[in-house]
Amino acid sequence: MGPYLDELAPMYTNAPSSSPIHAATNAVAMSVLANHKGARDRRHEADTMYGRALTLVYAAIGVPSESKTDETLMCVLLLQLFEVCSSHKYFLYLQPVSINQGFSRYLIRVCKLAAFMLLH
């Protein structure tokens, strides 16, 4: 696992369910689930979760002490990952050609971890 992915699970576990890290992780997870055949009706739910996560992260960035935390940085990375996962409905089944293969495998692992965390 990549160095950042190793930090996601403890951050998620230790944060309250109303935190930006929960909102961002859940949005990524729902986006991954929405990409699967038979779950396309989840796209609206994923987009709604993404909007909530954006609001929470924006508020965190506005607080000087929160804006510099590892959790906030992880949230920004997760929101970017949401965009990647949402950019193609078959993201998990294709090898993205615009990014190197190592980073591609890393993104897929993050998506799968996020989906696992949402389901459990």
N, C-alpha and C. Protein backbone atom coordinates (compact mmCIF):
# COMPACT_ATOMS: atom_id res chain seq x y z
N MET A 1 0.83 -1.19 0.00
CA MET A 1 0.00 0.00 0.00
C MET A 1 0.87 1.24 0.00
N GLY A 2 0.35 2.28 -0.61
CA GLY A 2 1.08 3.54 -0.65
C GLY A 2 1.13 4.18 0.72
N PRO A 3 2.06 5.11 0.93
CA PRO A 3 2.22 5.71 2.25
C PRO A 3 0.99 6.49 2.72
N TYR A 4 0.27 7.10 1.79
CA TYR A 4 -0.90 7.88 2.19
C TYR A 4 -2.07 6.97 2.53
N LEU A 5 -2.20 5.90 1.79
CA LEU A 5 -3.29 4.96 2.02
C LEU A 5 -3.18 4.33 3.40
N ASP A 6 -1.97 4.12 3.86
CA ASP A 6 -1.76 3.54 5.19
C ASP A 6 -2.36 4.44 6.28
N GLU A 7 -2.42 5.72 6.03
CA GLU A 7 -2.92 6.67 7.03
C GLU A 7 -4.44 6.83 7.00
N LEU A 8 -5.08 6.45 5.91
CA LEU A 8 -6.52 6.69 5.77
C LEU A 8 -7.34 5.93 6.80
N ALA A 9 -7.10 4.64 6.95
CA ALA A 9 -7.91 3.83 7.87
C ALA A 9 -7.87 4.36 9.31
N PRO A 10 -6.67 4.66 9.88
CA PRO A 10 -6.68 5.20 11.25
C PRO A 10 -7.37 6.57 11.34
N MET A 11 -7.19 7.42 10.34
CA MET A 11 -7.86 8.73 10.36
C MET A 11 -9.37 8.54 10.37
N TYR A 12 -9.84 7.67 9.51
CA TYR A 12 -11.28 7.42 9.38
C TYR A 12 -11.83 6.84 10.69
N THR A 13 -11.13 5.89 11.24
CA THR A 13 -11.57 5.20 12.46
C THR A 13 -11.60 6.14 13.66
N ASN A 14 -10.62 7.02 13.76
CA ASN A 14 -10.51 7.90 14.93
C ASN A 14 -11.34 9.17 14.83
N ALA A 15 -11.87 9.48 13.66
CA ALA A 15 -12.63 10.72 13.48
C ALA A 15 -14.12 10.48 13.75
N PRO A 16 -14.81 11.51 14.21
CA PRO A 16 -16.26 11.36 14.40
C PRO A 16 -16.96 11.19 13.04
N SER A 17 -18.12 10.57 13.07
CA SER A 17 -18.83 10.29 11.82
C SER A 17 -19.27 11.57 11.09
N SER A 18 -19.29 12.69 11.77
CA SER A 18 -19.67 13.96 11.14
C SER A 18 -18.47 14.71 10.55
N SER A 19 -17.30 14.09 10.58
CA SER A 19 -16.07 14.76 10.15
C SER A 19 -15.93 14.82 8.63
N PRO A 20 -15.10 15.74 8.15
CA PRO A 20 -14.83 15.82 6.71
C PRO A 20 -14.21 14.53 6.15
N ILE A 21 -13.38 13.85 6.93
CA ILE A 21 -12.73 12.63 6.43
C ILE A 21 -13.77 11.53 6.19
N HIS A 22 -14.77 11.46 7.04
CA HIS A 22 -15.85 10.48 6.81
C HIS A 22 -16.64 10.86 5.56
N ALA A 23 -16.97 12.12 5.43
CA ALA A 23 -17.76 12.56 4.28
C ALA A 23 -17.00 12.32 2.98
N ALA A 24 -15.71 12.66 2.94
CA ALA A 24 -14.92 12.49 1.72
C ALA A 24 -14.73 11.01 1.39
N THR A 25 -14.43 10.20 2.39
CA THR A 25 -14.24 8.76 2.17
C THR A 25 -15.54 8.11 1.69
N ASN A 26 -16.65 8.47 2.31
CA ASN A 26 -17.94 7.91 1.91
C ASN A 26 -18.32 8.33 0.50
N ALA A 27 -17.99 9.55 0.11
CA ALA A 27 -18.28 10.00 -1.25
C ALA A 27 -17.48 9.19 -2.27
N VAL A 28 -16.20 8.96 -1.98
CA VAL A 28 -15.38 8.14 -2.89
C VAL A 28 -15.94 6.73 -2.96
N ALA A 29 -16.28 6.17 -1.81
CA ALA A 29 -16.81 4.80 -1.79
C ALA A 29 -18.10 4.69 -2.59
N MET A 30 -18.98 5.65 -2.42
CA MET A 30 -20.25 5.61 -3.16
C MET A 30 -20.01 5.80 -4.65
N SER A 31 -19.04 6.59 -5.01
CA SER A 31 -18.69 6.77 -6.41
C SER A 31 -18.21 5.46 -7.02
N VAL A 32 -17.39 4.73 -6.27
CA VAL A 32 -16.90 3.43 -6.73
C VAL A 32 -18.08 2.47 -6.90
N LEU A 33 -18.96 2.45 -5.92
CA LEU A 33 -20.12 1.56 -6.00
C LEU A 33 -21.02 1.95 -7.18
N ALA A 34 -21.16 3.24 -7.43
CA ALA A 34 -22.00 3.70 -8.53
C ALA A 34 -21.45 3.29 -9.89
N ASN A 35 -20.15 3.02 -9.96
CA ASN A 35 -19.54 2.59 -11.22
C ASN A 35 -19.85 1.14 -11.56
N HIS A 36 -20.29 0.37 -10.59
CA HIS A 36 -20.55 -1.05 -10.83
C HIS A 36 -21.88 -1.23 -11.54
N LYS A 37 -21.90 -2.20 -12.39
CA LYS A 37 -23.12 -2.54 -13.13
C LYS A 37 -24.24 -2.84 -12.13
N GLY A 38 -25.40 -2.31 -12.38
CA GLY A 38 -26.52 -2.56 -11.49
C GLY A 38 -26.62 -1.58 -10.33
N ALA A 39 -25.65 -0.69 -10.19
CA ALA A 39 -25.68 0.27 -9.08
C ALA A 39 -25.62 1.70 -9.59
N ARG A 40 -25.94 1.91 -10.81
CA ARG A 40 -25.83 3.26 -11.40
C ARG A 40 -26.78 4.27 -10.76
N ASP A 41 -27.84 3.76 -10.13
CA ASP A 41 -28.76 4.67 -9.44
C ASP A 41 -28.10 5.32 -8.23
N ARG A 42 -26.94 4.86 -7.87
CA ARG A 42 -26.20 5.44 -6.73
C ARG A 42 -25.41 6.70 -7.11
N ARG A 43 -25.33 7.03 -8.40
CA ARG A 43 -24.55 8.19 -8.84
C ARG A 43 -25.06 9.47 -8.18
N HIS A 44 -26.37 9.66 -8.13
CA HIS A 44 -26.93 10.87 -7.50
C HIS A 44 -26.55 10.91 -6.02
N GLU A 45 -26.63 9.75 -5.36
CA GLU A 45 -26.25 9.68 -3.94
C GLU A 45 -24.77 10.02 -3.76
N ALA A 46 -23.93 9.52 -4.66
CA ALA A 46 -22.49 9.82 -4.60
C ALA A 46 -22.25 11.32 -4.78
N ASP A 47 -22.93 11.91 -5.74
CA ASP A 47 -22.77 13.35 -5.98
C ASP A 47 -23.24 14.18 -4.79
N THR A 48 -24.32 13.74 -4.15
CA THR A 48 -24.81 14.43 -2.95
C THR A 48 -23.79 14.34 -1.82
N MET A 49 -23.21 13.15 -1.65
CA MET A 49 -22.18 12.97 -0.61
C MET A 49 -20.96 13.83 -0.92
N TYR A 50 -20.61 13.93 -2.18
CA TYR A 50 -19.48 14.75 -2.60
C TYR A 50 -19.73 16.23 -2.25
N GLY A 51 -20.93 16.70 -2.51
CA GLY A 51 -21.28 18.08 -2.17
C GLY A 51 -21.17 18.35 -0.68
N ARG A 52 -21.63 17.39 0.13
CA ARG A 52 -21.51 17.52 1.58
C ARG A 52 -20.04 17.54 1.99
N ALA A 53 -19.25 16.65 1.41
CA ALA A 53 -17.82 16.60 1.73
C ALA A 53 -17.13 17.90 1.35
N LEU A 54 -17.45 18.43 0.18
CA LEU A 54 -16.87 19.71 -0.25
C LEU A 54 -17.17 20.81 0.76
N THR A 55 -18.41 20.86 1.22
CA THR A 55 -18.82 21.88 2.20
C THR A 55 -18.01 21.75 3.49
N LEU A 56 -17.87 20.51 3.98
CA LEU A 56 -17.13 20.29 5.23
C LEU A 56 -15.64 20.59 5.07
N VAL A 57 -15.07 20.21 3.95
CA VAL A 57 -13.64 20.46 3.72
C VAL A 57 -13.39 21.96 3.55
N TYR A 58 -14.28 22.63 2.84
CA TYR A 58 -14.16 24.07 2.66
C TYR A 58 -14.19 24.77 4.03
N ALA A 59 -15.09 24.33 4.90
CA ALA A 59 -15.16 24.91 6.25
C ALA A 59 -13.88 24.63 7.02
N ALA A 60 -13.33 23.43 6.90
CA ALA A 60 -12.08 23.08 7.60
C ALA A 60 -10.92 23.92 7.10
N ILE A 61 -10.88 24.16 5.81
CA ILE A 61 -9.79 24.97 5.24
C ILE A 61 -9.87 26.41 5.75
N GLY A 62 -11.07 26.85 6.07
CA GLY A 62 -11.27 28.21 6.58
C GLY A 62 -10.82 28.41 8.01
N VAL A 63 -10.54 27.35 8.72
CA VAL A 63 -10.07 27.43 10.11
C VAL A 63 -8.57 27.19 10.10
N PRO A 64 -7.77 28.21 10.44
CA PRO A 64 -6.31 28.08 10.33
C PRO A 64 -5.72 26.81 10.96
N SER A 65 -6.19 26.45 12.14
CA SER A 65 -5.62 25.27 12.80
C SER A 65 -6.01 23.97 12.08
N GLU A 66 -7.19 23.92 11.49
CA GLU A 66 -7.63 22.72 10.77
C GLU A 66 -7.07 22.66 9.35
N SER A 67 -6.79 23.81 8.78
CA SER A 67 -6.36 23.84 7.39
C SER A 67 -5.01 23.18 7.17
N LYS A 68 -4.24 23.03 8.23
CA LYS A 68 -2.88 22.49 8.11
C LYS A 68 -2.78 21.05 8.61
N THR A 69 -3.89 20.39 8.89
CA THR A 69 -3.84 19.04 9.44
C THR A 69 -3.70 17.99 8.33
N ASP A 70 -3.17 16.84 8.72
CA ASP A 70 -3.07 15.72 7.79
C ASP A 70 -4.45 15.27 7.32
N GLU A 71 -5.44 15.34 8.21
CA GLU A 71 -6.80 14.93 7.85
C GLU A 71 -7.36 15.81 6.74
N THR A 72 -7.15 17.11 6.83
CA THR A 72 -7.64 18.00 5.79
C THR A 72 -6.95 17.74 4.46
N LEU A 73 -5.65 17.53 4.51
CA LEU A 73 -4.92 17.20 3.28
C LEU A 73 -5.45 15.89 2.68
N MET A 74 -5.69 14.89 3.53
CA MET A 74 -6.23 13.62 3.05
C MET A 74 -7.60 13.84 2.41
N CYS A 75 -8.39 14.70 3.00
CA CYS A 75 -9.71 15.01 2.43
C CYS A 75 -9.58 15.60 1.03
N VAL A 76 -8.65 16.52 0.86
CA VAL A 76 -8.43 17.12 -0.46
C VAL A 76 -8.02 16.05 -1.46
N LEU A 77 -7.13 15.14 -1.05
CA LEU A 77 -6.72 14.05 -1.93
C LEU A 77 -7.91 13.15 -2.26
N LEU A 78 -8.76 12.88 -1.28
CA LEU A 78 -9.93 12.04 -1.52
C LEU A 78 -10.93 12.72 -2.46
N LEU A 79 -11.10 14.03 -2.31
CA LEU A 79 -12.01 14.74 -3.21
C LEU A 79 -11.48 14.71 -4.64
N GLN A 80 -10.17 14.80 -4.80
CA GLN A 80 -9.57 14.67 -6.12
C GLN A 80 -9.79 13.26 -6.65
N LEU A 81 -9.67 12.28 -5.78
CA LEU A 81 -9.91 10.89 -6.17
C LEU A 81 -11.36 10.68 -6.59
N PHE A 82 -12.29 11.35 -5.92
CA PHE A 82 -13.69 11.28 -6.33
C PHE A 82 -13.83 11.72 -7.78
N GLU A 83 -13.16 12.81 -8.11
CA GLU A 83 -13.23 13.31 -9.48
C GLU A 83 -12.68 12.29 -10.47
N VAL A 84 -11.59 11.62 -10.11
CA VAL A 84 -11.01 10.59 -10.98
C VAL A 84 -11.97 9.43 -11.12
N CYS A 85 -12.51 8.95 -10.00
CA CYS A 85 -13.43 7.82 -10.04
C CYS A 85 -14.71 8.15 -10.80
N SER A 86 -15.15 9.38 -10.70
CA SER A 86 -16.39 9.78 -11.36
C SER A 86 -16.21 10.14 -12.83
N SER A 87 -14.96 10.31 -13.24
CA SER A 87 -14.73 10.78 -14.61
C SER A 87 -15.03 9.72 -15.66
N HIS A 88 -15.06 8.46 -15.25
CA HIS A 88 -15.39 7.41 -16.20
C HIS A 88 -16.17 6.33 -15.47
N LYS A 89 -17.30 5.94 -16.00
CA LYS A 89 -18.17 5.00 -15.29
C LYS A 89 -17.58 3.61 -15.14
N TYR A 90 -16.55 3.31 -15.89
CA TYR A 90 -15.91 2.00 -15.77
C TYR A 90 -14.49 2.13 -15.23
N PHE A 91 -14.27 3.09 -14.35
CA PHE A 91 -12.93 3.39 -13.85
C PHE A 91 -12.19 2.15 -13.34
N LEU A 92 -12.87 1.32 -12.56
CA LEU A 92 -12.19 0.18 -11.95
C LEU A 92 -11.81 -0.90 -12.95
N TYR A 93 -12.43 -0.87 -14.12
CA TYR A 93 -12.18 -1.93 -15.09
C TYR A 93 -11.19 -1.54 -16.17
N LEU A 94 -10.84 -0.28 -16.25
CA LEU A 94 -9.93 0.21 -17.28
C LEU A 94 -8.61 0.64 -16.67
N GLN A 95 -7.55 0.53 -17.44
CA GLN A 95 -6.27 1.09 -17.04
C GLN A 95 -6.23 2.53 -17.54
N PRO A 96 -6.27 3.51 -16.65
CA PRO A 96 -6.19 4.89 -17.13
C PRO A 96 -4.89 5.11 -17.90
N VAL A 97 -4.98 5.74 -19.03
CA VAL A 97 -3.79 5.95 -19.86
C VAL A 97 -3.09 7.25 -19.55
N SER A 98 -3.73 8.14 -18.80
CA SER A 98 -3.14 9.44 -18.55
C SER A 98 -2.26 9.47 -17.30
N ILE A 99 -2.23 8.39 -16.53
CA ILE A 99 -1.41 8.37 -15.34
C ILE A 99 -0.56 7.10 -15.35
N ASN A 100 0.55 7.14 -14.65
CA ASN A 100 1.43 5.97 -14.69
C ASN A 100 0.79 4.78 -13.99
N GLN A 101 1.28 3.60 -14.30
CA GLN A 101 0.66 2.38 -13.83
C GLN A 101 0.72 2.22 -12.31
N GLY A 102 1.80 2.63 -11.67
CA GLY A 102 1.90 2.53 -10.22
C GLY A 102 0.85 3.38 -9.53
N PHE A 103 0.68 4.60 -10.00
CA PHE A 103 -0.32 5.48 -9.40
C PHE A 103 -1.72 4.95 -9.68
N SER A 104 -1.90 4.37 -10.85
CA SER A 104 -3.19 3.78 -11.20
C SER A 104 -3.56 2.67 -10.21
N ARG A 105 -2.61 1.79 -9.91
CA ARG A 105 -2.87 0.72 -8.93
C ARG A 105 -3.16 1.32 -7.56
N TYR A 106 -2.47 2.38 -7.20
CA TYR A 106 -2.69 3.05 -5.92
C TYR A 106 -4.12 3.60 -5.84
N LEU A 107 -4.57 4.27 -6.90
CA LEU A 107 -5.93 4.82 -6.91
C LEU A 107 -6.97 3.72 -6.78
N ILE A 108 -6.75 2.62 -7.47
CA ILE A 108 -7.70 1.51 -7.39
C ILE A 108 -7.76 0.97 -5.97
N ARG A 109 -6.62 0.85 -5.30
CA ARG A 109 -6.61 0.38 -3.91
C ARG A 109 -7.35 1.34 -2.99
N VAL A 110 -7.15 2.63 -3.20
CA VAL A 110 -7.85 3.62 -2.37
C VAL A 110 -9.35 3.51 -2.58
N CYS A 111 -9.76 3.37 -3.84
CA CYS A 111 -11.20 3.24 -4.14
C CYS A 111 -11.78 2.00 -3.47
N LYS A 112 -11.08 0.89 -3.57
CA LYS A 112 -11.58 -0.34 -2.97
C LYS A 112 -11.62 -0.24 -1.45
N LEU A 113 -10.60 0.38 -0.85
CA LEU A 113 -10.59 0.56 0.60
C LEU A 113 -11.75 1.45 1.02
N ALA A 114 -11.98 2.53 0.30
CA ALA A 114 -13.08 3.43 0.62
C ALA A 114 -14.42 2.70 0.53
N ALA A 115 -14.61 1.89 -0.51
CA ALA A 115 -15.84 1.12 -0.65
C ALA A 115 -16.00 0.13 0.50
N PHE A 116 -14.92 -0.53 0.90
CA PHE A 116 -14.96 -1.47 2.02
C PHE A 116 -15.35 -0.75 3.29
N MET A 117 -14.76 0.43 3.52
CA MET A 117 -15.04 1.17 4.75
C MET A 117 -16.48 1.65 4.79
N LEU A 118 -17.05 1.99 3.66
CA LEU A 118 -18.44 2.43 3.63
C LEU A 118 -19.39 1.28 3.94
N LEU A 119 -19.04 0.10 3.47
CA LEU A 119 -19.92 -1.05 3.64
C LEU A 119 -19.84 -1.67 5.04
N HIS A 120 -18.80 -1.34 5.80
CA HIS A 120 -18.64 -1.98 7.11
C HIS A 120 -18.76 -1.00 8.24
